[in-house]
Protein backbone atom coordinates (compact mmCIF):
# COMPACT_ATOMS: atom_id res chain seq x y z
CA UNK A 1 -13.52 -25.64 -93.19
CA UNK A 2 -15.26 -27.41 -90.14
CA UNK A 3 -16.87 -30.64 -89.38
CA UNK A 4 -20.54 -31.06 -89.76
CA UNK A 5 -22.31 -33.02 -87.04
CA UNK A 6 -24.44 -35.20 -87.47
CA UNK A 7 -27.42 -35.65 -84.71
CA UNK A 8 -28.38 -38.93 -83.36
CA UNK A 9 -30.67 -39.56 -80.84
CA UNK A 10 -29.41 -36.42 -78.19
CA UNK A 11 -25.49 -36.73 -79.98
CA UNK A 12 -24.46 -35.55 -81.75
CA UNK A 13 -21.42 -37.82 -83.80
CA UNK A 14 -19.05 -35.94 -86.05
CA UNK A 15 -19.05 -36.62 -90.01
CA UNK A 16 -16.52 -38.51 -89.98
CA UNK A 17 -17.14 -41.35 -86.88
CA UNK A 18 -20.89 -40.93 -88.51
CA UNK A 19 -18.98 -42.78 -91.83
CA UNK A 20 -16.44 -45.02 -89.51
CA UNK A 21 -20.32 -46.04 -87.41
CA UNK A 22 -21.68 -46.83 -90.87
CA UNK A 23 -18.65 -48.35 -92.58
CA UNK A 24 -18.28 -51.03 -89.76
CA UNK A 25 -22.51 -51.50 -89.20
CA UNK A 26 -22.44 -52.49 -93.02
CA UNK A 27 -19.85 -54.58 -93.09
CA UNK A 28 -22.25 -56.06 -89.32
CA UNK A 29 -19.72 -55.17 -87.20
CA UNK A 30 -21.95 -54.71 -83.62
CA UNK A 31 -21.71 -51.27 -83.28
CA UNK A 32 -23.35 -49.01 -80.50
CA UNK A 33 -25.07 -45.49 -81.00
CA UNK A 34 -23.46 -43.29 -78.91
CA UNK A 35 -27.03 -42.42 -76.79
CA UNK A 36 -26.33 -45.81 -75.20
CA UNK A 37 -23.60 -43.85 -72.94
CA UNK A 38 -20.64 -46.09 -73.54
CA UNK A 39 -18.30 -43.02 -73.64
CA UNK A 40 -16.70 -41.67 -77.22
CA UNK A 41 -18.28 -41.02 -80.35
CA UNK A 42 -19.98 -44.55 -80.22
CA UNK A 43 -19.12 -48.02 -78.54
CA UNK A 44 -18.67 -51.56 -80.56
CA UNK A 45 -19.83 -55.42 -78.47
CA UNK A 46 -17.53 -57.14 -78.31
CA UNK A 47 -19.82 -59.91 -77.25
CA UNK A 48 -21.30 -62.67 -79.00
CA UNK A 49 -24.76 -62.20 -80.16
CA UNK A 50 -25.82 -65.69 -81.23
CA UNK A 51 -28.30 -64.82 -83.62
CA UNK A 52 -26.49 -66.62 -86.68
CA UNK A 53 -25.34 -62.51 -87.10
CA UNK A 54 -21.95 -61.18 -89.47
CA UNK A 55 -21.10 -59.51 -86.26
CA UNK A 56 -20.48 -63.09 -84.85
CA UNK A 57 -17.77 -63.07 -87.36
CA UNK A 58 -13.97 -64.02 -86.46
CA UNK A 59 -13.47 -60.71 -88.58
CA UNK A 60 -15.79 -58.90 -87.14
CA UNK A 61 -15.90 -59.37 -83.55
CA UNK A 62 -12.88 -57.68 -80.62
CA UNK A 63 -12.13 -60.43 -78.22
CA UNK A 64 -10.66 -58.63 -74.95
CA UNK A 65 -8.54 -62.45 -74.58
CA UNK A 66 -7.61 -63.56 -78.01
CA UNK A 67 -6.45 -60.05 -78.83
CA UNK A 68 -7.08 -57.28 -77.40
CA UNK A 69 -5.78 -54.91 -80.38
CA UNK A 70 -8.72 -56.46 -82.48
CA UNK A 71 -5.50 -57.19 -85.52
CA UNK A 72 -7.32 -59.54 -86.33
CA UNK A 73 -10.06 -58.16 -86.73
CA UNK A 74 -11.07 -55.60 -89.91
CA UNK A 75 -12.35 -53.49 -87.18
CA UNK A 76 -8.57 -51.14 -86.46
CA UNK A 77 -8.03 -50.80 -89.70
CA UNK A 78 -12.06 -49.18 -90.84
CA UNK A 79 -10.77 -46.65 -87.68
CA UNK A 80 -7.75 -45.58 -88.55
CA UNK A 81 -8.93 -44.32 -92.63
CA UNK A 82 -11.20 -41.93 -90.36
CA UNK A 83 -9.21 -40.64 -87.84
CA UNK A 84 -10.08 -43.24 -84.87
CA UNK A 85 -9.27 -45.61 -82.22
CA UNK A 86 -10.59 -47.51 -79.57
CA UNK A 87 -10.08 -48.52 -75.84
CA UNK A 88 -11.77 -51.03 -73.81
CA UNK A 89 -14.06 -49.95 -71.20
CA UNK A 90 -15.05 -53.41 -70.13
CA UNK A 91 -14.37 -57.03 -71.52
CA UNK A 92 -17.23 -56.50 -73.35
CA UNK A 93 -17.70 -53.02 -75.16
CA UNK A 94 -15.36 -50.37 -76.54
CA UNK A 95 -15.29 -47.06 -77.30
CA UNK A 96 -14.33 -45.49 -79.99
CA UNK A 97 -12.02 -41.80 -79.87
CA UNK A 98 -10.33 -39.44 -81.86
CA UNK A 99 -6.85 -40.71 -82.83
């Protein structure tokens, strides 16, 4: 049984990573598509957009200084459900990888 990749731009995202990406995006998390080049399957912005979007809500935005593990958000639980985790690229972006 193989994993069916899904093509996003010029990058290929594995099906389980795409499910996590879609779930996070549907919940309002500021996901960054893989073609933006942050590494991993995709990335997540930890920046405030200031546009009133759901991604600026406390439970959907990572904060390196307040909680570097993201335990105060919905993000780690969703990633773990799909066999993924995140690592900080810098103070404003995390990249998502296989667990």
